[in-house]
């Protein structure tokens, strides 16, 4: 699997993602400038990544301006053809703004930027320790959308404690239903607020991020 990382003005986790994929996972990585459009070097077996950061300074609304970049139309077409797309933090916001994923990411409930290690739980009950760093990570959607996401097994991660207990006490941003990450119905577009690329190296004292990439089929 080859990876493409889209770089927007204000991206600040693009090199972190490149380092994790290229050096920790030994993958081929192509950096993609947001004003370009060409994804012809990728097949639907590959993955396009929208990294974290503050694209266009988070002006207007997080991800709203980045969604209009020329590359994003190519990413939307790529996803609609079955190609894999991963959005992390700001990338998750852009995926929601672009309509590739439902819902929106609103300002954290405590109105403060949060930067710390948290725990996640997947549908199988596996627990991961992954860093978060965001000011607008509160996942929001209408109740019927939330019901559909859960009934269709589209919620890929919930915030929890180190024992797997899902409760608002362990929710760093007040996301509805403790949702930390979701996927589309087709299962090829993934969005999550936590940063797996920041937990992919022995030097960081945490390898749980590699488990995230693997279980999402991005390895």
Protein backbone atom coordinates (compact mmCIF):
# COMPACT_ATOMS: atom_id res chain seq x y z
CA UNK A 1 0.00 0.00 0.00
CA UNK A 2 1.26 3.45 -1.00
CA UNK A 3 0.26 6.58 0.92
CA UNK A 4 -0.34 10.14 -0.21
CA UNK A 5 -0.37 12.92 2.41
CA UNK A 6 -2.19 16.11 1.47
CA UNK A 7 -0.47 19.26 2.74
CA UNK A 8 -2.55 22.39 3.31
CA UNK A 9 -1.38 25.83 4.47
CA UNK A 10 -1.41 25.38 8.24
CA UNK A 11 -0.89 21.61 8.28
CA UNK A 12 1.50 20.82 11.12
CA UNK A 13 1.24 17.05 11.50
CA UNK A 14 2.01 16.18 7.89
CA UNK A 15 5.67 15.41 8.62
CA UNK A 16 4.75 13.43 11.74
CA UNK A 17 2.48 11.31 9.56
CA UNK A 18 5.18 10.96 6.91
CA UNK A 19 7.71 9.85 9.50
CA UNK A 20 5.36 7.24 10.98
CA UNK A 21 4.35 5.79 7.61
CA UNK A 22 7.76 6.00 5.95
CA UNK A 23 10.14 5.20 8.78
CA UNK A 24 8.09 3.21 11.29
CA UNK A 25 5.96 1.30 8.76
CA UNK A 26 8.37 1.24 5.78
CA UNK A 27 5.74 2.53 3.35
CA UNK A 28 6.15 4.57 0.20
CA UNK A 29 4.86 8.09 0.86
CA UNK A 30 4.09 10.89 -1.60
CA UNK A 31 3.50 14.42 -0.28
CA UNK A 32 0.64 16.14 -2.11
CA UNK A 33 0.23 19.93 -2.26
CA UNK A 34 -3.38 21.04 -1.84
CA UNK A 35 -3.40 23.09 -5.04
CA UNK A 36 -2.49 20.10 -7.18
CA UNK A 37 -5.10 17.67 -8.51
CA UNK A 38 -3.20 14.65 -9.80
CA UNK A 39 -3.76 11.32 -8.02
CA UNK A 40 -3.01 9.20 -11.07
CA UNK A 41 -0.02 7.61 -9.31
CA UNK A 42 -2.40 5.96 -6.82
CA UNK A 43 -4.71 2.99 -7.19
CA UNK A 44 -7.72 2.15 -5.04
CA UNK A 45 -5.44 -0.21 -3.10
CA UNK A 46 -3.61 2.85 -1.79
CA UNK A 47 -4.53 5.42 0.86
CA UNK A 48 -4.75 9.22 0.91
CA UNK A 49 -4.20 10.84 4.31
CA UNK A 50 -5.49 14.23 5.46
CA UNK A 51 -3.21 15.12 8.39
CA UNK A 52 -3.76 17.16 11.51
CA UNK A 53 -3.03 20.82 11.93
CA UNK A 54 -4.83 24.10 11.40
CA UNK A 55 -5.53 24.26 7.67
CA UNK A 56 -5.98 27.88 6.59
CA UNK A 57 -5.68 28.90 10.24
CA UNK A 58 -9.06 27.33 11.07
CA UNK A 59 -10.66 30.52 9.76
CA UNK A 60 -14.39 30.47 9.00
CA UNK A 61 -14.76 26.94 10.40
CA UNK A 62 -12.25 24.12 10.88
CA UNK A 63 -11.74 22.37 7.54
CA UNK A 64 -14.28 24.48 5.65
CA UNK A 65 -11.73 26.29 3.47
CA UNK A 66 -9.47 23.25 2.99
CA UNK A 67 -12.48 21.36 1.68
CA UNK A 68 -12.46 23.77 -1.31
CA UNK A 69 -8.84 23.04 -2.27
CA UNK A 70 -8.39 21.55 -5.76
CA UNK A 71 -6.87 18.35 -4.35
CA UNK A 72 -9.97 17.67 -2.27
CA UNK A 73 -12.16 17.12 -5.33
CA UNK A 74 -9.65 14.50 -6.47
CA UNK A 75 -9.72 12.95 -2.99
CA UNK A 76 -13.53 12.83 -3.07
CA UNK A 77 -13.45 11.14 -6.48
CA UNK A 78 -10.78 8.73 -5.22
CA UNK A 79 -12.92 7.80 -2.21
CA UNK A 80 -16.04 7.39 -4.32
CA UNK A 81 -14.14 4.89 -6.47
CA UNK A 82 -13.28 2.84 -3.37
CA UNK A 83 -9.86 4.23 -2.51
CA UNK A 84 -8.98 4.44 1.17
CA UNK A 85 -8.91 7.84 2.85
CA UNK A 86 -7.83 8.58 6.43
CA UNK A 87 -8.43 11.91 8.13
CA UNK A 88 -6.77 12.59 11.48
CA UNK A 89 -7.80 15.54 13.68
CA UNK A 90 -8.04 18.45 11.21
CA UNK A 91 -8.26 15.78 8.51
CA UNK A 92 -11.38 14.40 10.22
CA UNK A 93 -12.85 17.90 10.22
CA UNK A 94 -12.13 18.23 6.48
CA UNK A 95 -13.77 14.87 5.75
CA UNK A 96 -16.93 16.00 7.51
CA UNK A 97 -16.90 19.36 5.75
CA UNK A 98 -16.47 17.60 2.39
CA UNK A 99 -19.40 15.27 2.99
CA UNK A 100 -17.29 12.11 2.91
CA UNK A 101 -18.29 11.52 6.54
CA UNK A 102 -21.44 12.64 8.35
CA UNK A 103 -21.60 15.06 11.25
CA UNK A 104 -19.32 17.89 12.34
CA UNK A 105 -16.54 18.63 14.81
CA UNK A 106 -17.45 21.48 17.16
CA UNK A 107 -15.37 23.39 19.74
CA UNK A 108 -14.49 21.32 22.79
CA UNK A 109 -17.14 21.40 25.47
CA UNK A 110 -14.84 23.06 27.99
CA UNK A 111 -13.79 25.69 25.40
CA UNK A 112 -10.15 24.76 25.93
CA UNK A 113 -7.48 23.15 23.77
CA UNK A 114 -6.75 19.62 24.98
CA UNK A 115 -3.37 17.90 24.50
CA UNK A 116 -2.76 14.63 26.33
CA UNK A 117 -2.84 10.85 26.08
CA UNK A 118 -6.33 9.35 26.13
CA UNK A 119 -7.71 5.83 25.72
CA UNK A 120 -9.85 4.46 22.90
CA UNK A 121 -11.91 1.33 22.53
CA UNK A 122 -12.90 -0.34 19.27
CA UNK A 123 -15.91 -2.53 18.57
CA UNK A 124 -13.98 -5.64 19.56
CA UNK A 125 -13.16 -4.16 22.96
CA UNK A 126 -9.45 -3.57 22.27
CA UNK A 127 -8.04 -0.59 24.14
CA UNK A 128 -5.44 1.83 22.76
CA UNK A 129 -3.54 4.73 24.32
CA UNK A 130 -3.28 7.50 21.74
CA UNK A 131 -2.51 11.25 22.03
CA UNK A 132 -5.07 13.95 21.24
CA UNK A 133 -4.35 17.60 20.47
CA UNK A 134 -7.31 19.72 19.39
CA UNK A 135 -9.59 22.58 20.23
CA UNK A 136 -12.49 21.54 18.00
CA UNK A 137 -12.94 17.81 18.49
CA UNK A 138 -16.47 17.50 19.85
CA UNK A 139 -18.20 15.14 17.43
CA UNK A 140 -21.78 16.19 16.74
CA UNK A 141 -24.57 14.80 14.57
CA UNK A 142 -28.34 14.52 14.75
CA UNK A 143 -29.70 11.70 16.87
CA UNK A 144 -30.90 9.75 13.84
CA UNK A 145 -27.41 9.97 12.32
CA UNK A 146 -25.82 8.82 15.57
CA UNK A 147 -28.25 5.89 15.73
CA UNK A 148 -27.44 4.94 12.16
CA UNK A 149 -23.70 5.13 12.79
CA UNK A 150 -23.95 2.82 15.78
CA UNK A 151 -26.47 0.45 14.21
CA UNK A 152 -24.30 0.15 11.10
CA UNK A 153 -21.09 -0.38 13.12
CA UNK A 154 -19.62 2.80 11.66
CA UNK A 155 -18.28 4.08 14.97
CA UNK A 156 -14.71 2.79 14.99
CA UNK A 157 -13.54 4.28 18.31
CA UNK A 158 -15.04 5.47 21.58
CA UNK A 159 -13.27 7.45 24.29
CA UNK A 160 -12.83 5.31 27.40
CA UNK A 161 -10.56 4.75 30.40
CA UNK A 162 -7.63 2.33 30.55
CA UNK A 163 -10.03 -0.49 31.42
CA UNK A 164 -12.38 0.16 28.53
CA UNK A 165 -15.16 1.90 30.44
CA UNK A 166 -16.96 4.33 28.12
CA UNK A 167 -18.15 7.31 30.13
CA UNK A 168 -18.29 11.09 29.73
CA UNK A 169 -15.69 11.35 32.50
CA UNK A 170 -13.10 10.02 30.03
CA UNK A 171 -14.31 12.13 27.10
CA UNK A 172 -11.73 14.91 26.45
CA UNK A 173 -14.00 17.13 24.33
CA UNK A 174 -17.64 16.24 25.22
CA UNK A 175 -18.18 14.40 21.92
CA UNK A 176 -21.69 12.98 21.65
CA UNK A 177 -21.82 9.34 22.76
CA UNK A 178 -18.06 9.47 23.41
CA UNK A 179 -17.38 9.07 19.69
CA UNK A 180 -13.70 9.45 18.77
CA UNK A 181 -13.73 8.08 15.22
CA UNK A 182 -16.10 6.91 12.49
CA UNK A 183 -16.06 5.40 9.01
CA UNK A 184 -18.36 5.66 6.02
CA UNK A 185 -20.88 2.98 5.07
CA UNK A 186 -18.55 1.54 2.45
CA UNK A 187 -15.77 1.15 5.01
CA UNK A 188 -13.04 2.92 3.02
CA UNK A 189 -13.10 6.42 4.57
CA UNK A 190 -11.96 6.81 8.19
CA UNK A 191 -11.93 9.87 10.43
CA UNK A 192 -10.61 10.15 13.98
CA UNK A 193 -9.54 12.94 16.33
CA UNK A 194 -6.67 11.10 18.13
CA UNK A 195 -3.24 10.97 16.46
CA UNK A 196 -2.01 7.40 15.78
CA UNK A 197 1.08 8.77 14.02
CA UNK A 198 2.24 10.14 17.38
CA UNK A 199 2.22 6.66 18.88
CA UNK A 200 4.10 4.65 16.28
CA UNK A 201 7.71 4.60 17.46
CA UNK A 202 9.62 2.99 20.34
CA UNK A 203 11.30 6.38 20.82
CA UNK A 204 7.91 7.78 21.81
CA UNK A 205 7.28 5.01 24.32
CA UNK A 206 4.04 4.01 22.63
CA UNK A 207 3.35 1.70 19.68
CA UNK A 208 -0.45 1.60 19.87
CA UNK A 209 -0.70 3.82 16.81
CA UNK A 210 0.71 1.01 14.66
CA UNK A 211 -2.12 -1.20 15.91
CA UNK A 212 -4.59 1.46 14.77
CA UNK A 213 -3.15 1.54 11.24
CA UNK A 214 -3.15 -2.24 11.09
CA UNK A 215 -6.71 -2.76 12.25
CA UNK A 216 -7.99 -0.16 9.79
CA UNK A 217 -6.29 -2.15 7.02
CA UNK A 218 -3.73 0.59 6.38
CA UNK A 219 -0.59 -1.50 6.54
